[in-house]
PDB file of N, CA and C in Angstrom:
ATOM      1  N   UNK A   1      24.587   8.328 -11.693  1.00  0.00           N
ATOM      2  CA  UNK A   1      25.650   7.720 -11.327  1.00  0.00           C
ATOM      3  C   UNK A   1      25.765   7.583  -9.738  1.00  0.00           C
ATOM      4  N   UNK A   2      25.765   6.236  -9.206  1.00  0.00           N
ATOM      5  CA  UNK A   2      25.751   6.439  -7.863  1.00  0.00           C
ATOM      6  C   UNK A   2      26.773   5.395  -7.171  1.00  0.00           C
ATOM      7  N   UNK A   3      27.887   4.952  -8.153  1.00  0.00           N
ATOM      8  CA  UNK A   3      28.885   4.192  -7.768  1.00  0.00           C
ATOM      9  C   UNK A   3      29.914   4.957  -6.731  1.00  0.00           C
ATOM     10  N   UNK A   4      30.059   4.616  -5.577  1.00  0.00           N
ATOM     11  CA  UNK A   4      31.188   5.220  -4.603  1.00  0.00           C
ATOM     12  C   UNK A   4      32.268   4.327  -4.369  1.00  0.00           C
ATOM     13  N   UNK A   5      33.279   4.482  -5.078  1.00  0.00           N
ATOM     14  CA  UNK A   5      34.506   3.652  -5.191  1.00  0.00           C
ATOM     15  C   UNK A   5      35.625   4.497  -4.504  1.00  0.00           C
ATOM     16  N   UNK A   6      36.710   3.951  -4.354  1.00  0.00           N
ATOM     17  CA  UNK A   6      37.823   4.497  -3.671  1.00  0.00           C
ATOM     18  C   UNK A   6      38.399   5.797  -4.625  1.00  0.00           C
ATOM     19  N   UNK A   7      38.159   5.586  -6.007  1.00  0.00           N
ATOM     20  CA  UNK A   7      38.601   6.454  -6.892  1.00  0.00           C
ATOM     21  C   UNK A   7      37.462   7.508  -6.922  1.00  0.00           C
ATOM     22  N   UNK A   8      38.017   8.718  -6.270  1.00  0.00           N
ATOM     23  CA  UNK A   8      36.960   9.758  -6.247  1.00  0.00           C
ATOM     24  C   UNK A   8      37.683  11.066  -6.446  1.00  0.00           C
ATOM     25  N   UNK A   9      37.199  12.062  -7.246  1.00  0.00           N
ATOM     26  CA  UNK A   9      37.886  13.406  -7.372  1.00  0.00           C
ATOM     27  C   UNK A   9      38.060  14.043  -5.990  1.00  0.00           C
ATOM     28  N   UNK A  10      37.151  13.970  -5.193  1.00  0.00           N
ATOM     29  CA  UNK A  10      37.206  14.604  -4.029  1.00  0.00           C
ATOM     30  C   UNK A  10      38.355  14.071  -3.221  1.00  0.00           C
ATOM     31  N   UNK A  11      38.799  12.601  -3.182  1.00  0.00           N
ATOM     32  CA  UNK A  11      39.752  12.235  -2.595  1.00  0.00           C
ATOM     33  C   UNK A  11      41.069  12.541  -3.132  1.00  0.00           C
ATOM     34  N   UNK A  12      41.166  12.585  -4.551  1.00  0.00           N
ATOM     35  CA  UNK A  12      42.239  12.996  -5.114  1.00  0.00           C
ATOM     36  C   UNK A  12      42.579  14.422  -4.787  1.00  0.00           C
ATOM     37  N   UNK A  13      41.697  15.492  -5.102  1.00  0.00           N
ATOM     38  CA  UNK A  13      41.908  16.739  -4.773  1.00  0.00           C
ATOM     39  C   UNK A  13      42.251  17.212  -3.416  1.00  0.00           C
ATOM     40  N   UNK A  14      41.547  16.417  -2.513  1.00  0.00           N
ATOM     41  CA  UNK A  14      41.778  16.705  -0.896  1.00  0.00           C
ATOM     42  C   UNK A  14      42.424  15.328  -0.196  1.00  0.00           C
ATOM     43  N   UNK A  15      43.456  14.938  -0.549  1.00  0.00           N
ATOM     44  CA  UNK A  15      43.924  13.861   0.175  1.00  0.00           C
ATOM     45  C   UNK A  15      43.929  14.008   1.722  1.00  0.00           C
ATOM     46  N   UNK A  16      43.467  12.975   2.280  1.00  0.00           N
ATOM     47  CA  UNK A  16      43.683  12.885   3.699  1.00  0.00           C
ATOM     48  C   UNK A  16      42.450  13.462   4.351  1.00  0.00           C
ATOM     49  N   UNK A  17      41.372  13.830   3.664  1.00  0.00           N
ATOM     50  CA  UNK A  17      40.001  14.310   4.065  1.00  0.00           C
ATOM     51  C   UNK A  17      39.209  13.325   4.685  1.00  0.00           C
ATOM     52  N   UNK A  18      38.844  13.327   6.000  1.00  0.00           N
ATOM     53  CA  UNK A  18      38.073  12.145   6.478  1.00  0.00           C
ATOM     54  C   UNK A  18      36.714  11.983   5.942  1.00  0.00           C
ATOM     55  N   UNK A  19      36.196  12.815   5.517  1.00  0.00           N
ATOM     56  CA  UNK A  19      34.726  12.786   5.107  1.00  0.00           C
ATOM     57  C   UNK A  19      34.564  13.343   3.653  1.00  0.00           C
ATOM     58  N   UNK A  20      33.728  12.592   2.909  1.00  0.00           N
ATOM     59  CA  UNK A  20      33.640  13.235   1.509  1.00  0.00           C
ATOM     60  C   UNK A  20      32.411  14.190   1.541  1.00  0.00           C
ATOM     61  N   UNK A  21      32.245  15.145   0.730  1.00  0.00           N
ATOM     62  CA  UNK A  21      31.407  16.209   0.928  1.00  0.00           C
ATOM     63  C   UNK A  21      29.950  15.579   1.010  1.00  0.00           C
ATOM     64  N   UNK A  22      29.674  14.676   0.316  1.00  0.00           N
ATOM     65  CA  UNK A  22      28.222  13.930   0.383  1.00  0.00           C
ATOM     66  C   UNK A  22      28.258  12.602   0.958  1.00  0.00           C
ATOM     67  N   UNK A  23      27.786  12.461   2.144  1.00  0.00           N
ATOM     68  CA  UNK A  23      27.850  10.990   2.803  1.00  0.00           C
ATOM     69  C   UNK A  23      27.341  10.126   1.808  1.00  0.00           C
ATOM     70  N   UNK A  24      28.192   8.933   1.645  1.00  0.00           N
ATOM     71  CA  UNK A  24      27.740   7.655   0.785  1.00  0.00           C
ATOM     72  C   UNK A  24      27.505   8.167  -0.577  1.00  0.00           C
ATOM     73  N   UNK A  25      28.243   9.398  -1.148  1.00  0.00           N
ATOM     74  CA  UNK A  25      27.665   9.785  -2.444  1.00  0.00           C
ATOM     75  C   UNK A  25      28.939   9.871  -3.088  1.00  0.00           C
ATOM     76  N   UNK A  26      28.694  10.440  -4.410  1.00  0.00           N
ATOM     77  CA  UNK A  26      29.737  10.740  -5.259  1.00  0.00           C
ATOM     78  C   UNK A  26      29.850  12.300  -5.544  1.00  0.00           C
ATOM     79  N   UNK A  27      30.963  12.712  -5.767  1.00  0.00           N
ATOM     80  CA  UNK A  27      30.884  14.168  -6.234  1.00  0.00           C
ATOM     81  C   UNK A  27      30.904  14.547  -7.726  1.00  0.00           C
ATOM     82  N   UNK A  28      30.654  15.976  -8.008  1.00  0.00           N
ATOM     83  CA  UNK A  28      30.526  16.169  -9.366  1.00  0.00           C
ATOM     84  C   UNK A  28      31.835  15.732 -10.120  1.00  0.00           C
ATOM     85  N   UNK A  29      31.616  14.947 -11.256  1.00  0.00           N
ATOM     86  CA  UNK A  29      32.699  14.857 -12.033  1.00  0.00           C
ATOM     87  C   UNK A  29      33.506  13.371 -11.738  1.00  0.00           C
ATOM     88  N   UNK A  30      32.909  12.659 -10.656  1.00  0.00           N
ATOM     89  CA  UNK A  30      33.333  11.300 -10.507  1.00  0.00           C
ATOM     90  C   UNK A  30      33.068  10.279 -11.610  1.00  0.00           C
ATOM     91  N   UNK A  31      32.103  10.578 -12.372  1.00  0.00           N
ATOM     92  CA  UNK A  31      31.833   9.615 -13.474  1.00  0.00           C
ATOM     93  C   UNK A  31      32.923   9.876 -14.587  1.00  0.00           C
ATOM     94  N   UNK A  32      33.494  10.790 -14.590  1.00  0.00           N
ATOM     95  CA  UNK A  32      34.677  10.891 -15.735  1.00  0.00           C
ATOM     96  C   UNK A  32      35.867  10.051 -15.445  1.00  0.00           C
ATOM     97  N   UNK A  33      36.000   9.591 -14.166  1.00  0.00           N
ATOM     98  CA  UNK A  33      37.074   8.600 -13.865  1.00  0.00           C
ATOM     99  C   UNK A  33      36.703   7.257 -14.648  1.00  0.00           C
ATOM    100  N   UNK A  34      35.493   6.916 -14.661  1.00  0.00           N
ATOM    101  CA  UNK A  34      35.129   5.569 -15.138  1.00  0.00           C
ATOM    102  C   UNK A  34      34.782   5.806 -16.618  1.00  0.00           C
ATOM    103  N   UNK A  35      34.726   6.928 -17.126  1.00  0.00           N
ATOM    104  CA  UNK A  35      34.616   7.000 -18.629  1.00  0.00           C
ATOM    105  C   UNK A  35      35.768   7.203 -19.443  1.00  0.00           C
ATOM    106  N   UNK A  36      36.860   7.768 -18.609  1.00  0.00           N
ATOM    107  CA  UNK A  36      38.146   8.164 -19.426  1.00  0.00           C
ATOM    108  C   UNK A  36      39.244   7.596 -18.463  1.00  0.00           C
ATOM    109  N   UNK A  37      39.511   6.481 -18.439  1.00  0.00           N
ATOM    110  CA  UNK A  37      40.715   6.022 -17.695  1.00  0.00           C
ATOM    111  C   UNK A  37      42.006   6.629 -18.159  1.00  0.00           C
ATOM    112  N   UNK A  38      42.688   7.260 -17.185  1.00  0.00           N
ATOM    113  CA  UNK A  38      43.906   8.089 -17.397  1.00  0.00           C
ATOM    114  C   UNK A  38      45.082   7.242 -16.700  1.00  0.00           C
ATOM    115  N   UNK A  39      44.726   6.295 -15.682  1.00  0.00           N
ATOM    116  CA  UNK A  39      45.946   5.500 -15.147  1.00  0.00           C
ATOM    117  C   UNK A  39      46.126   6.423 -13.787  1.00  0.00           C
ATOM    118  N   UNK A  40      45.467   7.493 -13.512  1.00  0.00           N
ATOM    119  CA  UNK A  40      45.680   8.179 -12.184  1.00  0.00           C
ATOM    120  C   UNK A  40      45.172   7.382 -11.093  1.00  0.00           C
ATOM    121  N   UNK A  41      44.194   6.662 -11.232  1.00  0.00           N
ATOM    122  CA  UNK A  41      43.543   6.082 -10.301  1.00  0.00           C
ATOM    123  C   UNK A  41      43.668   4.683 -10.399  1.00  0.00           C
ATOM    124  N   UNK A  42      43.696   3.835  -9.298  1.00  0.00           N
ATOM    125  CA  UNK A  42      43.924   2.401  -9.274  1.00  0.00           C
ATOM    126  C   UNK A  42      42.489   1.598  -9.314  1.00  0.00           C
ATOM    127  N   UNK A  43      41.900   1.424 -10.368  1.00  0.00           N
ATOM    128  CA  UNK A  43      40.505   0.864 -10.252  1.00  0.00           C
ATOM    129  C   UNK A  43      40.550  -0.450  -9.857  1.00  0.00           C
ATOM    130  N   UNK A  44      39.510  -1.024  -9.127  1.00  0.00           N
ATOM    131  CA  UNK A  44      39.415  -2.366  -8.824  1.00  0.00           C
ATOM    132  C   UNK A  44      38.342  -3.041  -9.746  1.00  0.00           C
ATOM    133  N   UNK A  45      38.304  -4.246  -9.676  1.00  0.00           N
ATOM    134  CA  UNK A  45      37.232  -5.153 -10.440  1.00  0.00           C
ATOM    135  C   UNK A  45      35.884  -4.428 -10.529  1.00  0.00           C
ATOM    136  N   UNK A  46      35.449  -4.120  -9.547  1.00  0.00           N
ATOM    137  CA  UNK A  46      34.019  -3.597  -9.406  1.00  0.00           C
ATOM    138  C   UNK A  46      34.128  -2.111 -10.112  1.00  0.00           C
ATOM    139  N   UNK A  47      35.110  -1.233 -10.056  1.00  0.00           N
ATOM    140  CA  UNK A  47      35.241  -0.062 -10.712  1.00  0.00           C
ATOM    141  C   UNK A  47      35.116  -0.230 -12.194  1.00  0.00           C
ATOM    142  N   UNK A  48      36.112  -1.289 -12.530  1.00  0.00           N
ATOM    143  CA  UNK A  48      36.053  -1.584 -14.179  1.00  0.00           C
ATOM    144  C   UNK A  48      34.792  -2.016 -14.838  1.00  0.00           C
ATOM    145  N   UNK A  49      33.964  -2.757 -13.856  1.00  0.00           N
ATOM    146  CA  UNK A  49      32.629  -3.145 -14.316  1.00  0.00           C
ATOM    147  C   UNK A  49      31.882  -1.986 -14.319  1.00  0.00           C
ATOM    148  N   UNK A  50      31.869  -1.010 -13.506  1.00  0.00           N
ATOM    149  CA  UNK A  50      30.919   0.284 -13.510  1.00  0.00           C
ATOM    150  C   UNK A  50      31.349   1.084 -14.907  1.00  0.00           C
ATOM    151  N   UNK A  51      32.705   1.053 -15.143  1.00  0.00           N
ATOM    152  CA  UNK A  51      33.286   1.722 -16.405  1.00  0.00           C
ATOM    153  C   UNK A  51      32.732   1.000 -17.637  1.00  0.00           C
ATOM    154  N   UNK A  52      32.728  -0.364 -17.663  1.00  0.00           N
ATOM    155  CA  UNK A  52      32.160  -0.954 -18.827  1.00  0.00           C
ATOM    156  C   UNK A  52      30.630  -0.512 -19.001  1.00  0.00           C
ATOM    157  N   UNK A  53      29.837  -0.511 -17.826  1.00  0.00           N
ATOM    158  CA  UNK A  53      28.337  -0.341 -17.923  1.00  0.00           C
ATOM    159  C   UNK A  53      28.285   1.071 -18.540  1.00  0.00           C
ATOM    160  N   UNK A  54      28.867   2.082 -17.987  1.00  0.00           N
ATOM    161  CA  UNK A  54      28.759   3.379 -18.210  1.00  0.00           C
ATOM    162  C   UNK A  54      29.137   3.731 -19.816  1.00  0.00           C
ATOM    163  N   UNK A  55      30.334   3.341 -19.997  1.00  0.00           N
ATOM    164  CA  UNK A  55      30.866   3.541 -21.366  1.00  0.00           C
ATOM    165  C   UNK A  55      29.904   3.074 -22.560  1.00  0.00           C
ATOM    166  N   UNK A  56      29.279   1.724 -22.163  1.00  0.00           N
ATOM    167  CA  UNK A  56      28.380   1.199 -23.148  1.00  0.00           C
ATOM    168  C   UNK A  56      27.149   1.999 -23.147  1.00  0.00           C
ATOM    169  N   UNK A  57      26.773   2.540 -21.815  1.00  0.00           N
ATOM    170  CA  UNK A  57      25.263   3.212 -21.862  1.00  0.00           C
ATOM    171  C   UNK A  57      25.673   4.304 -22.817  1.00  0.00           C
ATOM    172  N   UNK A  58      26.724   5.154 -22.458  1.00  0.00           N
ATOM    173  CA  UNK A  58      26.894   6.416 -23.298  1.00  0.00           C
ATOM    174  C   UNK A  58      27.084   6.247 -24.707  1.00  0.00           C
ATOM    175  N   UNK A  59      27.908   5.151 -25.170  1.00  0.00           N
ATOM    176  CA  UNK A  59      28.033   4.799 -26.491  1.00  0.00           C
ATOM    177  C   UNK A  59      26.586   4.466 -27.227  1.00  0.00           C
ATOM    178  N   UNK A  60      25.854   3.769 -26.469  1.00  0.00           N
ATOM    179  CA  UNK A  60      24.460   3.478 -26.992  1.00  0.00           C
ATOM    180  C   UNK A  60      23.635   4.706 -27.218  1.00  0.00           C
ATOM    181  N   UNK A  61      23.762   5.542 -26.320  1.00  0.00           N
ATOM    182  CA  UNK A  61      23.063   6.725 -26.556  1.00  0.00           C
ATOM    183  C   UNK A  61      23.399   7.865 -27.480  1.00  0.00           C
ATOM    184  N   UNK A  62      24.769   7.649 -28.000  1.00  0.00           N
ATOM    185  CA  UNK A  62      25.515   8.369 -29.018  1.00  0.00           C
ATOM    186  C   UNK A  62      24.984   7.810 -30.265  1.00  0.00           C
ATOM    187  N   UNK A  63      25.075   6.534 -30.278  1.00  0.00           N
ATOM    188  CA  UNK A  63      24.705   5.706 -31.665  1.00  0.00           C
ATOM    189  C   UNK A  63      23.412   5.480 -31.850  1.00  0.00           C
ATOM    190  N   UNK A  64      22.577   5.273 -30.731  1.00  0.00           N
ATOM    191  CA  UNK A  64      20.926   4.885 -31.195  1.00  0.00           C
ATOM    192  C   UNK A  64      20.180   5.911 -30.586  1.00  0.00           C
ATOM    193  N   UNK A  65      20.637   6.828 -29.695  1.00  0.00           N
ATOM    194  CA  UNK A  65      19.562   7.707 -29.179  1.00  0.00           C
ATOM    195  C   UNK A  65      18.904   7.136 -27.902  1.00  0.00           C
ATOM    196  N   UNK A  66      19.324   6.055 -27.357  1.00  0.00           N
ATOM    197  CA  UNK A  66      18.798   5.293 -26.385  1.00  0.00           C
ATOM    198  C   UNK A  66      20.048   4.585 -25.449  1.00  0.00           C
ATOM    199  N   UNK A  67      20.183   4.675 -24.282  1.00  0.00           N
ATOM    200  CA  UNK A  67      21.261   4.114 -23.393  1.00  0.00           C
ATOM    201  C   UNK A  67      21.130   2.663 -23.448  1.00  0.00           C
ATOM    202  N   UNK A  68      19.951   2.171 -23.364  1.00  0.00           N
ATOM    203  CA  UNK A  68      19.710   0.597 -23.509  1.00  0.00           C
ATOM    204  C   UNK A  68      19.195   0.103 -24.698  1.00  0.00           C
ATOM    205  N   UNK A  69      19.760   0.343 -25.768  1.00  0.00           N
ATOM    206  CA  UNK A  69      19.249   0.134 -27.184  1.00  0.00           C
ATOM    207  C   UNK A  69      19.152  -1.405 -27.333  1.00  0.00           C
ATOM    208  N   UNK A  70      18.108  -1.872 -27.906  1.00  0.00           N
ATOM    209  CA  UNK A  70      18.047  -3.334 -28.395  1.00  0.00           C
ATOM    210  C   UNK A  70      19.169  -3.745 -29.111  1.00  0.00           C
ATOM    211  N   UNK A  71      19.558  -2.790 -29.931  1.00  0.00           N
ATOM    212  CA  UNK A  71      20.695  -3.129 -30.986  1.00  0.00           C
ATOM    213  C   UNK A  71      21.938  -3.580 -30.369  1.00  0.00           C
ATOM    214  N   UNK A  72      22.193  -3.049 -28.987  1.00  0.00           N
ATOM    215  CA  UNK A  72      23.420  -3.368 -28.295  1.00  0.00           C
ATOM    216  C   UNK A  72      23.164  -3.355 -26.929  1.00  0.00           C
ATOM    217  N   UNK A  73      22.425  -4.580 -26.361  1.00  0.00           N
ATOM    218  CA  UNK A  73      22.025  -4.483 -25.027  1.00  0.00           C
ATOM    219  C   UNK A  73      23.475  -4.637 -24.119  1.00  0.00           C
ATOM    220  N   UNK A  74      23.373  -3.766 -23.058  1.00  0.00           N
ATOM    221  CA  UNK A  74      24.549  -3.911 -21.967  1.00  0.00           C
ATOM    222  C   UNK A  74      24.111  -5.021 -20.658  1.00  0.00           C
ATOM    223  N   UNK A  75      24.862  -5.964 -20.864  1.00  0.00           N
ATOM    224  CA  UNK A  75      24.582  -7.054 -19.878  1.00  0.00           C
ATOM    225  C   UNK A  75      24.552  -6.533 -18.495  1.00  0.00           C
ATOM    226  N   UNK A  76      23.388  -7.019 -17.696  1.00  0.00           N
ATOM    227  CA  UNK A  76      23.113  -6.701 -16.348  1.00  0.00           C
ATOM    228  C   UNK A  76      22.546  -5.325 -16.127  1.00  0.00           C
ATOM    229  N   UNK A  77      21.987  -4.797 -17.153  1.00  0.00           N
ATOM    230  CA  UNK A  77      21.395  -3.382 -17.104  1.00  0.00           C
ATOM    231  C   UNK A  77      19.901  -3.545 -17.612  1.00  0.00           C
ATOM    232  N   UNK A  78      19.016  -3.093 -16.714  1.00  0.00           N
ATOM    233  CA  UNK A  78      17.729  -3.200 -17.282  1.00  0.00           C
ATOM    234  C   UNK A  78      17.537  -2.122 -18.187  1.00  0.00           C
ATOM    235  N   UNK A  79      16.286  -2.212 -18.795  1.00  0.00           N
ATOM    236  CA  UNK A  79      15.911  -1.034 -19.844  1.00  0.00           C
ATOM    237  C   UNK A  79      15.708   0.264 -19.067  1.00  0.00           C
ATOM    238  N   UNK A  80      16.263   1.305 -19.552  1.00  0.00           N
ATOM    239  CA  UNK A  80      16.290   2.592 -19.046  1.00  0.00           C
ATOM    240  C   UNK A  80      14.968   3.416 -19.591  1.00  0.00           C
ATOM    241  N   UNK A  81      14.012   3.489 -18.442  1.00  0.00           N
ATOM    242  CA  UNK A  81      12.696   3.959 -19.028  1.00  0.00           C
ATOM    243  C   UNK A  81      12.748   5.598 -19.409  1.00  0.00           C
ATOM    244  N   UNK A  82      11.898   6.049 -20.345  1.00  0.00           N
ATOM    245  CA  UNK A  82      11.682   7.363 -20.472  1.00  0.00           C
ATOM    246  C   UNK A  82      11.242   8.071 -19.303  1.00  0.00           C
ATOM    247  N   UNK A  83      11.619   9.161 -18.801  1.00  0.00           N
ATOM    248  CA  UNK A  83      11.050  10.002 -17.776  1.00  0.00           C
ATOM    249  C   UNK A  83       9.692  10.314 -18.102  1.00  0.00           C
ATOM    250  N   UNK A  84       8.901   9.980 -16.860  1.00  0.00           N
ATOM    251  CA  UNK A  84       7.396  10.296 -16.885  1.00  0.00           C
ATOM    252  C   UNK A  84       7.170  11.074 -15.626  1.00  0.00           C
ATOM    253  N   UNK A  85       6.563  12.008 -15.595  1.00  0.00           N
ATOM    254  CA  UNK A  85       6.359  12.822 -14.365  1.00  0.00           C
ATOM    255  C   UNK A  85       5.557  11.954 -13.200  1.00  0.00           C
ATOM    256  N   UNK A  86       4.610  11.018 -13.776  1.00  0.00           N
ATOM    257  CA  UNK A  86       3.849  10.396 -12.866  1.00  0.00           C
ATOM    258  C   UNK A  86       4.591   9.329 -11.944  1.00  0.00           C
ATOM    259  N   UNK A  87       5.621   8.849 -12.424  1.00  0.00           N
ATOM    260  CA  UNK A  87       6.181   7.737 -11.770  1.00  0.00           C
ATOM    261  C   UNK A  87       7.871   7.998 -11.544  1.00  0.00           C
ATOM    262  N   UNK A  88       8.503   9.024 -12.412  1.00  0.00           N
ATOM    263  CA  UNK A  88       9.742   9.617 -11.951  1.00  0.00           C
ATOM    264  C   UNK A  88      10.773   8.584 -11.975  1.00  0.00           C
ATOM    265  N   UNK A  89      10.703   7.483 -12.803  1.00  0.00           N
ATOM    266  CA  UNK A  89      11.456   6.417 -12.924  1.00  0.00           C
ATOM    267  C   UNK A  89      13.009   6.745 -13.395  1.00  0.00           C
ATOM    268  N   UNK A  90      13.952   6.245 -12.772  1.00  0.00           N
ATOM    269  CA  UNK A  90      15.383   6.754 -13.147  1.00  0.00           C
ATOM    270  C   UNK A  90      16.287   5.337 -12.885  1.00  0.00           C
ATOM    271  N   UNK A  91      17.440   5.346 -13.487  1.00  0.00           N
ATOM    272  CA  UNK A  91      18.219   4.248 -13.506  1.00  0.00           C
ATOM    273  C   UNK A  91      19.458   4.670 -12.655  1.00  0.00           C
ATOM    274  N   UNK A  92      19.646   3.779 -11.499  1.00  0.00           N
ATOM    275  CA  UNK A  92      21.011   3.977 -10.809  1.00  0.00           C
ATOM    276  C   UNK A  92      22.117   3.398 -11.700  1.00  0.00           C
ATOM    277  N   UNK A  93      23.147   3.957 -11.687  1.00  0.00           N
ATOM    278  CA  UNK A  93      24.375   3.529 -12.364  1.00  0.00           C
ATOM    279  C   UNK A  93      25.388   3.162 -11.392  1.00  0.00           C
ATOM    280  N   UNK A  94      25.578   1.793 -11.166  1.00  0.00           N
ATOM    281  CA  UNK A  94      26.610   1.386 -10.334  1.00  0.00           C
ATOM    282  C   UNK A  94      26.851  -0.031 -10.556  1.00  0.00           C
ATOM    283  N   UNK A  95      27.604  -0.783  -9.813  1.00  0.00           N
ATOM    284  CA  UNK A  95      27.811  -2.149 -10.315  1.00  0.00           C
ATOM    285  C   UNK A  95      26.680  -3.186 -10.540  1.00  0.00           C
ATOM    286  N   UNK A  96      25.582  -2.728 -10.033  1.00  0.00           N
ATOM    287  CA  UNK A  96      24.284  -3.462 -10.371  1.00  0.00           C
ATOM    288  C   UNK A  96      23.276  -2.522 -10.547  1.00  0.00           C
ATOM    289  N   UNK A  97      23.191  -2.003 -11.725  1.00  0.00           N
ATOM    290  CA  UNK A  97      22.239  -1.120 -11.983  1.00  0.00           C
ATOM    291  C   UNK A  97      20.616  -1.443 -11.736  1.00  0.00           C
ATOM    292  N   UNK A  98      19.873  -0.527 -11.266  1.00  0.00           N
ATOM    293  CA  UNK A  98      18.469  -0.827 -11.028  1.00  0.00           C
ATOM    294  C   UNK A  98      17.650   0.218 -11.501  1.00  0.00           C
ATOM    295  N   UNK A  99      16.441   0.030 -11.851  1.00  0.00           N
ATOM    296  CA  UNK A  99      15.420   1.276 -11.911  1.00  0.00           C
ATOM    297  C   UNK A  99      14.608   1.414 -10.632  1.00  0.00           C
ATOM    298  N   UNK A 100      14.560   2.721 -10.298  1.00  0.00           N
ATOM    299  CA  UNK A 100      13.907   2.941  -9.164  1.00  0.00           C
ATOM    300  C   UNK A 100      12.881   4.218  -9.345  1.00  0.00           C
ATOM    301  N   UNK A 101      12.000   4.514  -8.408  1.00  0.00           N
ATOM    302  CA  UNK A 101      11.030   5.698  -8.627  1.00  0.00           C
ATOM    303  C   UNK A 101      11.383   6.781  -7.716  1.00  0.00           C
ATOM    304  N   UNK A 102      11.132   7.945  -8.259  1.00  0.00           N
ATOM    305  CA  UNK A 102      11.263   9.229  -7.487  1.00  0.00           C
ATOM    306  C   UNK A 102      12.532   9.421  -6.624  1.00  0.00           C
ATOM    307  N   UNK A 103      13.451  10.037  -7.435  1.00  0.00           N
ATOM    308  CA  UNK A 103      14.772  10.199  -6.953  1.00  0.00           C
ATOM    309  C   UNK A 103      14.858  11.176  -5.577  1.00  0.00           C
ATOM    310  N   UNK A 104      13.761  12.038  -5.619  1.00  0.00           N
ATOM    311  CA  UNK A 104      13.815  12.919  -4.337  1.00  0.00           C
ATOM    312  C   UNK A 104      13.409  12.215  -3.220  1.00  0.00           C
ATOM    313  N   UNK A 105      12.928  11.051  -3.218  1.00  0.00           N
ATOM    314  CA  UNK A 105      12.857  10.188  -1.863  1.00  0.00           C
ATOM    315  C   UNK A 105      14.290   9.898  -1.372  1.00  0.00           C
ATOM    316  N   UNK A 106      15.359   9.644  -2.148  1.00  0.00           N
ATOM    317  CA  UNK A 106      16.641   9.432  -1.591  1.00  0.00           C
ATOM    318  C   UNK A 106      17.331  10.623  -0.938  1.00  0.00           C
ATOM    319  N   UNK A 107      16.633  11.968  -1.201  1.00  0.00           N
ATOM    320  CA  UNK A 107      17.328  13.103  -0.478  1.00  0.00           C
ATOM    321  C   UNK A 107      16.986  12.820   1.111  1.00  0.00           C
ATOM    322  N   UNK A 108      15.635  12.308   1.293  1.00  0.00           N
ATOM    323  CA  UNK A 108      15.500  12.255   2.711  1.00  0.00           C
ATOM    324  C   UNK A 108      15.864  11.078   3.441  1.00  0.00           C
ATOM    325  N   UNK A 109      15.957  10.092   2.656  1.00  0.00           N
ATOM    326  CA  UNK A 109      16.222   8.643   2.985  1.00  0.00           C
ATOM    327  C   UNK A 109      17.253   7.963   1.994  1.00  0.00           C
ATOM    328  N   UNK A 110      18.633   8.407   1.991  1.00  0.00           N
ATOM    329  CA  UNK A 110      19.589   7.894   1.152  1.00  0.00           C
ATOM    330  C   UNK A 110      19.640   6.455   0.883  1.00  0.00           C
ATOM    331  N   UNK A 111      19.195   5.569   1.891  1.00  0.00           N
ATOM    332  CA  UNK A 111      19.197   4.139   2.001  1.00  0.00           C
ATOM    333  C   UNK A 111      18.000   3.692   1.568  1.00  0.00           C
ATOM    334  N   UNK A 112      17.069   4.429   1.154  1.00  0.00           N
ATOM    335  CA  UNK A 112      15.655   3.777   0.854  1.00  0.00           C
ATOM    336  C   UNK A 112      15.634   2.473  -0.047  1.00  0.00           C
ATOM    337  N   UNK A 113      16.374   2.412  -1.021  1.00  0.00           N
ATOM    338  CA  UNK A 113      16.562   1.325  -1.903  1.00  0.00           C
ATOM    339  C   UNK A 113      17.736   0.377  -1.635  1.00  0.00           C
ATOM    340  N   UNK A 114      18.410   0.546  -0.625  1.00  0.00           N
ATOM    341  CA  UNK A 114      19.443  -0.420  -0.109  1.00  0.00           C
ATOM    342  C   UNK A 114      18.768  -1.640   0.570  1.00  0.00           C
ATOM    343  N   UNK A 115      19.216  -2.761   0.241  1.00  0.00           N
ATOM    344  CA  UNK A 115      18.770  -4.068   0.901  1.00  0.00           C
ATOM    345  C   UNK A 115      19.294  -4.216   2.314  1.00  0.00           C
ATOM    346  N   UNK A 116      18.582  -4.467   3.288  1.00  0.00           N
ATOM    347  CA  UNK A 116      19.117  -4.576   4.582  1.00  0.00           C
ATOM    348  C   UNK A 116      19.877  -5.838   4.736  1.00  0.00           C
TER     349      UNK A 116
END
């Protein structure tokens, strides 16, 4: 999960904080805002798109054992590859999901996959 919107548990628990704990990142539990809308946060259109994507991926995993099951494709989401140690592919979950290689590369260069 890599969507950083205004709705964040960090912002909710520590209002007025100038900096999130992880620059350009999300905090533990932020995905729950998008899975279980409680009305506490005002989600914008992009946030609702992330909620749609995430809830469909999770439901597919529960029903079919595969987040990107052929039986119920999620619009705009590429096939989520099985983890293989040689290429370390993973799916970024945000408003435009993409498959990337080797998440560890983002620790040293967080913007490695962002388009300039």
